[in-house]
All heavy atoms as atom14 arrays in JSON, in Angstrom:
{
  "sequence": "FVGRELEVLIEEPVIGEDLAFARAYLQAPEVDGAVVVRGSGFTAGRTL",
  "atom14_mask": [
    [1, 1, 1, 1, 1, 1, 1, 1, 1, 1, 1, 0, 0, 0],
    [1, 1, 1, 1, 1, 1, 1, 0, 0, 0, 0, 0, 0, 0],
    [1, 1, 1, 1, 0, 0, 0, 0, 0, 0, 0, 0, 0, 0],
    [1, 1, 1, 1, 1, 1, 1, 1, 1, 1, 1, 0, 0, 0],
    [1, 1, 1, 1, 1, 1, 1, 1, 1, 0, 0, 0, 0, 0],
    [1, 1, 1, 1, 1, 1, 1, 1, 0, 0, 0, 0, 0, 0],
    [1, 1, 1, 1, 1, 1, 1, 1, 1, 0, 0, 0, 0, 0],
    [1, 1, 1, 1, 1, 1, 1, 0, 0, 0, 0, 0, 0, 0],
    [1, 1, 1, 1, 1, 1, 1, 1, 0, 0, 0, 0, 0, 0],
    [1, 1, 1, 1, 1, 1, 1, 1, 0, 0, 0, 0, 0, 0],
    [1, 1, 1, 1, 1, 1, 1, 1, 1, 0, 0, 0, 0, 0],
    [1, 1, 1, 1, 1, 1, 1, 1, 1, 0, 0, 0, 0, 0],
    [1, 1, 1, 1, 1, 1, 1, 0, 0, 0, 0, 0, 0, 0],
    [1, 1, 1, 1, 1, 1, 1, 0, 0, 0, 0, 0, 0, 0],
    [1, 1, 1, 1, 1, 1, 1, 1, 0, 0, 0, 0, 0, 0],
    [1, 1, 1, 1, 0, 0, 0, 0, 0, 0, 0, 0, 0, 0],
    [1, 1, 1, 1, 1, 1, 1, 1, 1, 0, 0, 0, 0, 0],
    [1, 1, 1, 1, 1, 1, 1, 1, 0, 0, 0, 0, 0, 0],
    [1, 1, 1, 1, 1, 1, 1, 1, 0, 0, 0, 0, 0, 0],
    [1, 1, 1, 1, 1, 0, 0, 0, 0, 0, 0, 0, 0, 0],
    [1, 1, 1, 1, 1, 1, 1, 1, 1, 1, 1, 0, 0, 0],
    [1, 1, 1, 1, 1, 0, 0, 0, 0, 0, 0, 0, 0, 0],
    [1, 1, 1, 1, 1, 1, 1, 1, 1, 1, 1, 0, 0, 0],
    [1, 1, 1, 1, 1, 0, 0, 0, 0, 0, 0, 0, 0, 0],
    [1, 1, 1, 1, 1, 1, 1, 1, 1, 1, 1, 1, 0, 0],
    [1, 1, 1, 1, 1, 1, 1, 1, 0, 0, 0, 0, 0, 0],
    [1, 1, 1, 1, 1, 1, 1, 1, 1, 0, 0, 0, 0, 0],
    [1, 1, 1, 1, 1, 0, 0, 0, 0, 0, 0, 0, 0, 0],
    [1, 1, 1, 1, 1, 1, 1, 0, 0, 0, 0, 0, 0, 0],
    [1, 1, 1, 1, 1, 1, 1, 1, 1, 0, 0, 0, 0, 0],
    [1, 1, 1, 1, 1, 1, 1, 0, 0, 0, 0, 0, 0, 0],
    [1, 1, 1, 1, 1, 1, 1, 1, 0, 0, 0, 0, 0, 0],
    [1, 1, 1, 1, 0, 0, 0, 0, 0, 0, 0, 0, 0, 0],
    [1, 1, 1, 1, 1, 0, 0, 0, 0, 0, 0, 0, 0, 0],
    [1, 1, 1, 1, 1, 1, 1, 0, 0, 0, 0, 0, 0, 0],
    [1, 1, 1, 1, 1, 1, 1, 0, 0, 0, 0, 0, 0, 0],
    [1, 1, 1, 1, 1, 1, 1, 0, 0, 0, 0, 0, 0, 0],
    [1, 1, 1, 1, 1, 1, 1, 1, 1, 1, 1, 0, 0, 0],
    [1, 1, 1, 1, 0, 0, 0, 0, 0, 0, 0, 0, 0, 0],
    [1, 1, 1, 1, 1, 1, 0, 0, 0, 0, 0, 0, 0, 0],
    [1, 1, 1, 1, 0, 0, 0, 0, 0, 0, 0, 0, 0, 0],
    [1, 1, 1, 1, 1, 1, 1, 1, 1, 1, 1, 0, 0, 0],
    [1, 1, 1, 1, 1, 1, 1, 0, 0, 0, 0, 0, 0, 0],
    [1, 1, 1, 1, 1, 0, 0, 0, 0, 0, 0, 0, 0, 0],
    [1, 1, 1, 1, 0, 0, 0, 0, 0, 0, 0, 0, 0, 0],
    [1, 1, 1, 1, 1, 1, 1, 1, 1, 1, 1, 0, 0, 0],
    [1, 1, 1, 1, 1, 1, 1, 0, 0, 0, 0, 0, 0, 0],
    [1, 1, 1, 1, 1, 1, 1, 1, 0, 0, 0, 0, 0, 0]
  ],
  "atom14_positions": [
    [[2.59, -12.71, 7.89], [2.14, -12.32, 6.58], [3.37, -12.28, 5.61], [3.09, -12.13, 4.4], [1.49, -10.91, 6.65], [0.2, -11.0, 7.41], [0.15, -10.49, 8.72], [-0.96, -11.55, 6.81], [-1.08, -10.46, 9.49], [-2.16, -11.55, 7.57], [-2.17, -11.04, 8.84], [0.0, 0.0, 0.0], [0.0, 0.0, 0.0], [0.0, 0.0, 0.0]],
    [[4.59, -12.41, 6.1], [5.74, -12.32, 5.2], [5.73, -13.57, 4.29], [5.55, -14.71, 4.67], [7.03, -12.3, 5.99], [8.28, -12.3, 5.07], [7.05, -11.01, 6.87], [0.0, 0.0, 0.0], [0.0, 0.0, 0.0], [0.0, 0.0, 0.0], [0.0, 0.0, 0.0], [0.0, 0.0, 0.0], [0.0, 0.0, 0.0], [0.0, 0.0, 0.0]],
    [[5.9, -13.29, 2.99], [5.86, -14.3, 1.99], [4.49, -14.59, 1.39], [4.43, -15.29, 0.37], [0.0, 0.0, 0.0], [0.0, 0.0, 0.0], [0.0, 0.0, 0.0], [0.0, 0.0, 0.0], [0.0, 0.0, 0.0], [0.0, 0.0, 0.0], [0.0, 0.0, 0.0], [0.0, 0.0, 0.0], [0.0, 0.0, 0.0], [0.0, 0.0, 0.0]],
    [[3.51, -13.89, 1.87], [2.13, -14.13, 1.41], [1.78, -13.09, 0.34], [2.38, -11.99, 0.28], [1.12, -14.11, 2.51], [1.3, -15.28, 3.5], [0.22, -15.21, 4.55], [-1.13, -15.09, 4.08], [-2.23, -14.85, 4.77], [-2.07, -14.82, 6.11], [-3.45, -14.73, 4.18], [0.0, 0.0, 0.0], [0.0, 0.0, 0.0], [0.0, 0.0, 0.0]],
    [[0.84, -13.42, -0.48], [0.22, -12.49, -1.46], [-1.05, -11.98, -0.87], [-1.94, -12.71, -0.47], [-0.07, -13.24, -2.79], [-0.47, -12.41, -3.84], [-0.69, -13.08, -5.19], [0.14, -13.88, -5.53], [-1.75, -12.9, -5.83], [0.0, 0.0, 0.0], [0.0, 0.0, 0.0], [0.0, 0.0, 0.0], [0.0, 0.0, 0.0], [0.0, 0.0, 0.0]],
    [[-1.2, -10.66, -0.85], [-2.3, -9.98, -0.29], [-2.82, -8.82, -1.3], [-2.05, -8.29, -1.99], [-1.99, -9.32, 1.04], [-1.59, -10.16, 2.18], [-1.19, -9.35, 3.36], [-2.67, -11.11, 2.63], [0.0, 0.0, 0.0], [0.0, 0.0, 0.0], [0.0, 0.0, 0.0], [0.0, 0.0, 0.0], [0.0, 0.0, 0.0], [0.0, 0.0, 0.0]],
    [[-4.08, -8.63, -1.21], [-4.63, -7.46, -1.93], [-4.46, -6.26, -1.11], [-4.71, -6.29, 0.12], [-6.12, -7.69, -2.25], [-6.64, -6.54, -3.16], [-8.08, -6.87, -3.63], [-8.76, -7.67, -2.98], [-8.49, -6.42, -4.7], [0.0, 0.0, 0.0], [0.0, 0.0, 0.0], [0.0, 0.0, 0.0], [0.0, 0.0, 0.0], [0.0, 0.0, 0.0]],
    [[-3.95, -5.14, -1.7], [-3.71, -3.94, -0.92], [-4.4, -2.78, -1.6], [-4.61, -2.76, -2.83], [-2.25, -3.64, -0.73], [-1.51, -4.76, 0.03], [-1.56, -3.34, -2.02], [0.0, 0.0, 0.0], [0.0, 0.0, 0.0], [0.0, 0.0, 0.0], [0.0, 0.0, 0.0], [0.0, 0.0, 0.0], [0.0, 0.0, 0.0], [0.0, 0.0, 0.0]],
    [[-4.83, -1.77, -0.78], [-5.47, -0.59, -1.25], [-4.48, 0.46, -1.23], [-3.89, 0.9, -0.12], [-6.67, -0.25, -0.35], [-7.42, 1.09, -0.64], [-7.99, 1.12, -2.07], [-8.49, 1.32, 0.4], [0.0, 0.0, 0.0], [0.0, 0.0, 0.0], [0.0, 0.0, 0.0], [0.0, 0.0, 0.0], [0.0, 0.0, 0.0], [0.0, 0.0, 0.0]],
    [[-4.06, 1.07, -2.36], [-3.12, 2.2, -2.43], [-3.7, 3.44, -1.81], [-4.77, 3.89, -2.25], [-2.67, 2.41, -3.86], [-2.05, 1.16, -4.48], [-1.67, 3.63, -3.92], [-0.76, 0.69, -3.83], [0.0, 0.0, 0.0], [0.0, 0.0, 0.0], [0.0, 0.0, 0.0], [0.0, 0.0, 0.0], [0.0, 0.0, 0.0], [0.0, 0.0, 0.0]],
    [[-3.02, 3.96, -0.85], [-3.5, 5.26, -0.23], [-2.75, 6.47, -0.78], [-3.36, 7.52, -0.95], [-3.25, 5.15, 1.3], [-4.24, 4.28, 1.99], [-4.31, 4.39, 3.49], [-3.26, 4.62, 4.13], [-5.36, 4.28, 4.11], [0.0, 0.0, 0.0], [0.0, 0.0, 0.0], [0.0, 0.0, 0.0], [0.0, 0.0, 0.0], [0.0, 0.0, 0.0]],
    [[-1.44, 6.31, -0.87], [-0.68, 7.55, -1.21], [0.64, 7.16, -1.9], [1.6, 6.76, -1.22], [-0.39, 8.36, 0.04], [0.24, 9.7, -0.2], [0.57, 10.44, 1.05], [0.34, 9.88, 2.13], [1.14, 11.55, 0.95], [0.0, 0.0, 0.0], [0.0, 0.0, 0.0], [0.0, 0.0, 0.0], [0.0, 0.0, 0.0], [0.0, 0.0, 0.0]],
    [[0.72, 7.37, -3.25], [2.05, 7.18, -3.87], [2.97, 8.3, -3.43], [2.5, 9.43, -3.2], [1.71, 7.41, -5.38], [0.18, 7.15, -5.46], [-0.33, 7.58, -4.14], [0.0, 0.0, 0.0], [0.0, 0.0, 0.0], [0.0, 0.0, 0.0], [0.0, 0.0, 0.0], [0.0, 0.0, 0.0], [0.0, 0.0, 0.0], [0.0, 0.0, 0.0]],
    [[4.23, 7.99, -3.13], [5.2, 8.98, -2.63], [5.85, 9.67, -3.82], [6.42, 9.03, -4.7], [6.23, 8.34, -1.79], [7.24, 9.37, -1.28], [5.57, 7.62, -0.54], [0.0, 0.0, 0.0], [0.0, 0.0, 0.0], [0.0, 0.0, 0.0], [0.0, 0.0, 0.0], [0.0, 0.0, 0.0], [0.0, 0.0, 0.0], [0.0, 0.0, 0.0]],
    [[5.66, 10.99, -3.88], [6.15, 11.77, -4.99], [7.7, 11.77, -5.01], [8.35, 11.98, -3.96], [5.66, 13.21, -4.88], [4.11, 13.28, -4.95], [6.25, 14.09, -5.99], [3.5, 14.67, -4.73], [0.0, 0.0, 0.0], [0.0, 0.0, 0.0], [0.0, 0.0, 0.0], [0.0, 0.0, 0.0], [0.0, 0.0, 0.0], [0.0, 0.0, 0.0]],
    [[8.27, 11.45, -6.12], [9.66, 11.4, -6.29], [10.32, 10.17, -5.91], [11.59, 10.0, -5.97], [0.0, 0.0, 0.0], [0.0, 0.0, 0.0], [0.0, 0.0, 0.0], [0.0, 0.0, 0.0], [0.0, 0.0, 0.0], [0.0, 0.0, 0.0], [0.0, 0.0, 0.0], [0.0, 0.0, 0.0], [0.0, 0.0, 0.0], [0.0, 0.0, 0.0]],
    [[9.59, 9.15, -5.42], [10.17, 7.85, -5.04], [9.33, 6.74, -5.64], [8.13, 6.88, -5.89], [10.26, 7.7, -3.55], [11.14, 8.74, -2.88], [11.45, 8.36, -1.42], [11.69, 7.17, -1.18], [11.43, 9.28, -0.52], [0.0, 0.0, 0.0], [0.0, 0.0, 0.0], [0.0, 0.0, 0.0], [0.0, 0.0, 0.0], [0.0, 0.0, 0.0]],
    [[9.95, 5.61, -5.85], [9.32, 4.43, -6.36], [8.65, 3.6, -5.28], [9.09, 2.43, -4.99], [10.21, 3.59, -7.26], [10.58, 4.3, -8.58], [9.81, 5.19, -9.0], [11.65, 3.9, -9.14], [0.0, 0.0, 0.0], [0.0, 0.0, 0.0], [0.0, 0.0, 0.0], [0.0, 0.0, 0.0], [0.0, 0.0, 0.0], [0.0, 0.0, 0.0]],
    [[7.68, 4.18, -4.63], [6.99, 3.45, -3.56], [5.68, 4.13, -3.22], [5.45, 5.31, -3.64], [7.86, 3.36, -2.3], [8.25, 4.63, -1.56], [7.22, 5.1, -0.56], [9.6, 4.37, -0.86], [0.0, 0.0, 0.0], [0.0, 0.0, 0.0], [0.0, 0.0, 0.0], [0.0, 0.0, 0.0], [0.0, 0.0, 0.0], [0.0, 0.0, 0.0]],
    [[4.78, 3.45, -2.53], [3.46, 3.97, -2.16], [3.08, 3.4, -0.83], [3.43, 2.19, -0.5], [2.44, 3.65, -3.25], [0.0, 0.0, 0.0], [0.0, 0.0, 0.0], [0.0, 0.0, 0.0], [0.0, 0.0, 0.0], [0.0, 0.0, 0.0], [0.0, 0.0, 0.0], [0.0, 0.0, 0.0], [0.0, 0.0, 0.0], [0.0, 0.0, 0.0]],
    [[2.35, 4.12, -0.05], [1.77, 3.63, 1.17], [0.44, 3.02, 0.89], [-0.35, 3.58, 0.12], [1.63, 4.71, 2.21], [2.96, 5.23, 2.74], [3.4, 6.56, 2.31], [3.7, 4.51, 3.59], [4.64, 7.06, 2.78], [4.96, 5.0, 4.08], [5.4, 6.22, 3.64], [0.0, 0.0, 0.0], [0.0, 0.0, 0.0], [0.0, 0.0, 0.0]],
    [[0.18, 1.78, 1.46], [-1.03, 1.09, 1.22], [-1.39, 0.4, 2.47], [-0.73, 0.44, 3.51], [-0.78, 0.1, 0.09], [0.0, 0.0, 0.0], [0.0, 0.0, 0.0], [0.0, 0.0, 0.0], [0.0, 0.0, 0.0], [0.0, 0.0, 0.0], [0.0, 0.0, 0.0], [0.0, 0.0, 0.0], [0.0, 0.0, 0.0], [0.0, 0.0, 0.0]],
    [[-2.59, -0.21, 2.39], [-3.1, -1.07, 3.53], [-3.63, -2.34, 3.01], [-4.31, -2.34, 1.86], [-4.24, -0.29, 4.25], [-3.69, 0.81, 5.14], [-4.9, 1.4, 5.96], [-5.91, 2.01, 5.15], [-7.09, 1.54, 4.91], [-7.53, 0.4, 5.47], [-7.96, 2.16, 4.14], [0.0, 0.0, 0.0], [0.0, 0.0, 0.0], [0.0, 0.0, 0.0]],
    [[-3.52, -3.43, 3.79], [-4.16, -4.7, 3.44], [-5.36, -4.83, 4.4], [-5.57, -3.94, 5.25], [-3.18, -5.8, 3.59], [0.0, 0.0, 0.0], [0.0, 0.0, 0.0], [0.0, 0.0, 0.0], [0.0, 0.0, 0.0], [0.0, 0.0, 0.0], [0.0, 0.0, 0.0], [0.0, 0.0, 0.0], [0.0, 0.0, 0.0], [0.0, 0.0, 0.0]],
    [[-6.04, -6.01, 4.3], [-7.24, -6.21, 5.2], [-6.9, -6.09, 6.66], [-7.67, -5.8, 7.54], [-7.84, -7.55, 4.9], [-7.27, -8.7, 5.59], [-7.59, -9.12, 6.9], [-6.23, -9.53, 4.99], [-7.08, -10.16, 7.52], [-5.66, -10.6, 5.65], [-6.11, -10.96, 6.89], [-5.5, -12.02, 7.54], [0.0, 0.0, 0.0], [0.0, 0.0, 0.0]],
    [[-5.63, -6.34, 7.01], [-5.15, -6.45, 8.4], [-4.96, -5.05, 9.07], [-4.58, -4.99, 10.22], [-3.9, -7.26, 8.55], [-2.74, -6.81, 7.66], [-1.47, -6.74, 8.45], [-2.56, -7.75, 6.49], [0.0, 0.0, 0.0], [0.0, 0.0, 0.0], [0.0, 0.0, 0.0], [0.0, 0.0, 0.0], [0.0, 0.0, 0.0], [0.0, 0.0, 0.0]],
    [[-5.15, -4.0, 8.31], [-4.9, -2.67, 8.83], [-6.03, -1.7, 8.59], [-6.44, -1.49, 7.39], [-3.64, -2.11, 8.02], [-2.35, -2.88, 8.36], [-1.4, -2.95, 7.18], [-1.88, -2.87, 6.01], [-0.16, -3.04, 7.41], [0.0, 0.0, 0.0], [0.0, 0.0, 0.0], [0.0, 0.0, 0.0], [0.0, 0.0, 0.0], [0.0, 0.0, 0.0]],
    [[-6.65, -1.25, 9.64], [-7.71, -0.27, 9.52], [-7.16, 1.09, 9.2], [-6.03, 1.43, 9.57], [-8.59, -0.26, 10.84], [0.0, 0.0, 0.0], [0.0, 0.0, 0.0], [0.0, 0.0, 0.0], [0.0, 0.0, 0.0], [0.0, 0.0, 0.0], [0.0, 0.0, 0.0], [0.0, 0.0, 0.0], [0.0, 0.0, 0.0], [0.0, 0.0, 0.0]],
    [[-7.96, 2.01, 8.7], [-7.46, 3.31, 8.33], [-6.92, 4.07, 9.53], [-7.53, 4.1, 10.62], [-8.73, 4.09, 7.76], [-9.59, 2.98, 7.34], [-9.36, 1.82, 8.27], [0.0, 0.0, 0.0], [0.0, 0.0, 0.0], [0.0, 0.0, 0.0], [0.0, 0.0, 0.0], [0.0, 0.0, 0.0], [0.0, 0.0, 0.0], [0.0, 0.0, 0.0]],
    [[-5.69, 4.6, 9.42], [-5.11, 5.58, 10.35], [-4.68, 4.98, 11.67], [-3.84, 5.64, 12.36], [-6.11, 6.79, 10.6], [-6.55, 7.48, 9.31], [-7.46, 8.62, 9.62], [-7.62, 9.0, 10.79], [-8.02, 9.14, 8.67], [0.0, 0.0, 0.0], [0.0, 0.0, 0.0], [0.0, 0.0, 0.0], [0.0, 0.0, 0.0], [0.0, 0.0, 0.0]],
    [[-5.08, 3.86, 12.12], [-4.73, 3.38, 13.46], [-3.74, 2.23, 13.52], [-3.14, 2.02, 14.54], [-6.07, 2.96, 14.27], [-6.91, 4.18, 14.51], [-6.81, 1.86, 13.56], [0.0, 0.0, 0.0], [0.0, 0.0, 0.0], [0.0, 0.0, 0.0], [0.0, 0.0, 0.0], [0.0, 0.0, 0.0], [0.0, 0.0, 0.0], [0.0, 0.0, 0.0]],
    [[-3.57, 1.54, 12.43], [-2.67, 0.38, 12.39], [-1.49, 0.66, 11.49], [-1.3, 1.82, 11.07], [-3.47, -0.86, 11.82], [-4.62, -1.26, 12.72], [-4.56, -1.05, 13.93], [-5.65, -1.73, 12.13], [0.0, 0.0, 0.0], [0.0, 0.0, 0.0], [0.0, 0.0, 0.0], [0.0, 0.0, 0.0], [0.0, 0.0, 0.0], [0.0, 0.0, 0.0]],
    [[-0.61, -0.3, 11.3], [0.52, -0.11, 10.47], [0.18, 0.03, 8.98], [-1.01, 0.17, 8.65], [0.0, 0.0, 0.0], [0.0, 0.0, 0.0], [0.0, 0.0, 0.0], [0.0, 0.0, 0.0], [0.0, 0.0, 0.0], [0.0, 0.0, 0.0], [0.0, 0.0, 0.0], [0.0, 0.0, 0.0], [0.0, 0.0, 0.0], [0.0, 0.0, 0.0]],
    [[1.22, 0.0, 8.17], [0.99, 0.2, 6.73], [1.7, -0.85, 5.95], [2.58, -1.59, 6.5], [1.51, 1.59, 6.28], [0.0, 0.0, 0.0], [0.0, 0.0, 0.0], [0.0, 0.0, 0.0], [0.0, 0.0, 0.0], [0.0, 0.0, 0.0], [0.0, 0.0, 0.0], [0.0, 0.0, 0.0], [0.0, 0.0, 0.0], [0.0, 0.0, 0.0]],
    [[1.35, -0.96, 4.62], [2.13, -1.78, 3.73], [2.86, -0.8, 2.74], [2.18, -0.03, 2.1], [1.25, -2.74, 2.88], [2.06, -3.47, 1.86], [0.53, -3.69, 3.78], [0.0, 0.0, 0.0], [0.0, 0.0, 0.0], [0.0, 0.0, 0.0], [0.0, 0.0, 0.0], [0.0, 0.0, 0.0], [0.0, 0.0, 0.0], [0.0, 0.0, 0.0]],
    [[4.2, -0.83, 2.7], [4.91, 0.0, 1.78], [5.2, -0.85, 0.55], [5.86, -1.92, 0.6], [6.22, 0.42, 2.42], [7.07, 1.28, 1.47], [5.97, 1.31, 3.72], [0.0, 0.0, 0.0], [0.0, 0.0, 0.0], [0.0, 0.0, 0.0], [0.0, 0.0, 0.0], [0.0, 0.0, 0.0], [0.0, 0.0, 0.0], [0.0, 0.0, 0.0]],
    [[4.58, -0.4, -0.59], [4.72, -1.15, -1.86], [5.78, -0.5, -2.72], [5.81, 0.7, -2.96], [3.43, -1.19, -2.6], [3.54, -2.06, -3.83], [2.25, -1.65, -1.71], [0.0, 0.0, 0.0], [0.0, 0.0, 0.0], [0.0, 0.0, 0.0], [0.0, 0.0, 0.0], [0.0, 0.0, 0.0], [0.0, 0.0, 0.0], [0.0, 0.0, 0.0]],
    [[6.78, -1.34, -3.09], [7.89, -0.88, -3.91], [7.44, -0.87, -5.41], [6.86, -1.88, -5.82], [9.13, -1.7, -3.74], [9.66, -1.73, -2.39], [10.32, -0.43, -2.0], [10.79, -0.33, -0.62], [11.38, 0.75, -0.11], [11.51, 1.82, -0.8], [11.71, 0.71, 1.14], [0.0, 0.0, 0.0], [0.0, 0.0, 0.0], [0.0, 0.0, 0.0]],
    [[7.76, 0.14, -6.19], [7.38, 0.21, -7.59], [6.89, 1.54, -7.98], [7.02, 2.53, -7.22], [0.0, 0.0, 0.0], [0.0, 0.0, 0.0], [0.0, 0.0, 0.0], [0.0, 0.0, 0.0], [0.0, 0.0, 0.0], [0.0, 0.0, 0.0], [0.0, 0.0, 0.0], [0.0, 0.0, 0.0], [0.0, 0.0, 0.0], [0.0, 0.0, 0.0]],
    [[6.33, 1.68, -9.14], [5.87, 2.94, -9.66], [4.53, 2.8, -10.41], [4.09, 1.65, -10.69], [6.89, 3.6, -10.54], [7.18, 2.75, -11.66], [0.0, 0.0, 0.0], [0.0, 0.0, 0.0], [0.0, 0.0, 0.0], [0.0, 0.0, 0.0], [0.0, 0.0, 0.0], [0.0, 0.0, 0.0], [0.0, 0.0, 0.0], [0.0, 0.0, 0.0]],
    [[3.93, 3.91, -10.81], [2.73, 3.89, -11.55], [1.44, 3.53, -10.7], [0.48, 3.13, -11.28], [0.0, 0.0, 0.0], [0.0, 0.0, 0.0], [0.0, 0.0, 0.0], [0.0, 0.0, 0.0], [0.0, 0.0, 0.0], [0.0, 0.0, 0.0], [0.0, 0.0, 0.0], [0.0, 0.0, 0.0], [0.0, 0.0, 0.0], [0.0, 0.0, 0.0]],
    [[1.49, 3.74, -9.4], [0.4, 3.42, -8.58], [-0.63, 4.57, -8.53], [-0.28, 5.76, -8.72], [0.84, 3.15, -7.12], [1.9, 2.1, -6.94], [3.1, 2.38, -6.47], [1.63, 0.8, -7.4], [4.08, 1.37, -6.32], [2.52, -0.21, -7.29], [3.8, 0.08, -6.67], [0.0, 0.0, 0.0], [0.0, 0.0, 0.0], [0.0, 0.0, 0.0]],
    [[-1.9, 4.17, -8.43], [-2.98, 5.13, -8.31], [-3.68, 5.09, -7.01], [-4.15, 3.98, -6.62], [-3.99, 4.91, -9.49], [-3.35, 4.97, -10.74], [-5.16, 5.9, -9.42], [0.0, 0.0, 0.0], [0.0, 0.0, 0.0], [0.0, 0.0, 0.0], [0.0, 0.0, 0.0], [0.0, 0.0, 0.0], [0.0, 0.0, 0.0], [0.0, 0.0, 0.0]],
    [[-3.76, 6.17, -6.28], [-4.45, 6.22, -5.01], [-5.91, 5.81, -5.19], [-6.59, 6.21, -6.11], [-4.37, 7.61, -4.41], [0.0, 0.0, 0.0], [0.0, 0.0, 0.0], [0.0, 0.0, 0.0], [0.0, 0.0, 0.0], [0.0, 0.0, 0.0], [0.0, 0.0, 0.0], [0.0, 0.0, 0.0], [0.0, 0.0, 0.0], [0.0, 0.0, 0.0]],
    [[-6.32, 4.92, -4.29], [-7.75, 4.43, -4.28], [-7.95, 3.18, -5.08], [-9.05, 2.62, -5.15], [0.0, 0.0, 0.0], [0.0, 0.0, 0.0], [0.0, 0.0, 0.0], [0.0, 0.0, 0.0], [0.0, 0.0, 0.0], [0.0, 0.0, 0.0], [0.0, 0.0, 0.0], [0.0, 0.0, 0.0], [0.0, 0.0, 0.0], [0.0, 0.0, 0.0]],
    [[-6.93, 2.71, -5.78], [-7.01, 1.47, -6.51], [-6.35, 0.36, -5.75], [-5.48, 0.53, -4.83], [-6.23, 1.61, -7.86], [-6.86, 2.71, -8.7], [-8.2, 2.44, -9.23], [-8.31, 1.31, -10.06], [-8.08, 1.33, -11.41], [-7.8, 2.52, -11.99], [-8.15, 0.27, -12.17], [0.0, 0.0, 0.0], [0.0, 0.0, 0.0], [0.0, 0.0, 0.0]],
    [[-6.68, -0.88, -6.05], [-6.13, -2.05, -5.33], [-5.2, -2.81, -6.32], [-5.28, -2.67, -7.52], [-7.19, -3.01, -4.87], [-7.91, -3.55, -5.94], [-8.15, -2.31, -3.92], [0.0, 0.0, 0.0], [0.0, 0.0, 0.0], [0.0, 0.0, 0.0], [0.0, 0.0, 0.0], [0.0, 0.0, 0.0], [0.0, 0.0, 0.0], [0.0, 0.0, 0.0]],
    [[-4.36, -3.57, -5.72], [-3.42, -4.45, -6.55], [-2.99, -5.62, -5.66], [-3.04, -5.59, -4.43], [-2.27, -3.64, -7.12], [-1.27, -2.96, -6.11], [-0.29, -3.95, -5.59], [-0.59, -1.89, -6.85], [0.0, 0.0, 0.0], [0.0, 0.0, 0.0], [0.0, 0.0, 0.0], [0.0, 0.0, 0.0], [0.0, 0.0, 0.0], [0.0, 0.0, 0.0]]
  ]
}
């Protein structure tokens, strides 16, 4: 998946840091890995 563009669902922006935990289609809730998205202004429950 490295180098690819994927739609991710923002789960939790990290307070005080420019990053958020998210998931792509390849990760089921709570049991698989995560996508750490670098940046700011993310909203939990939205996709990008």
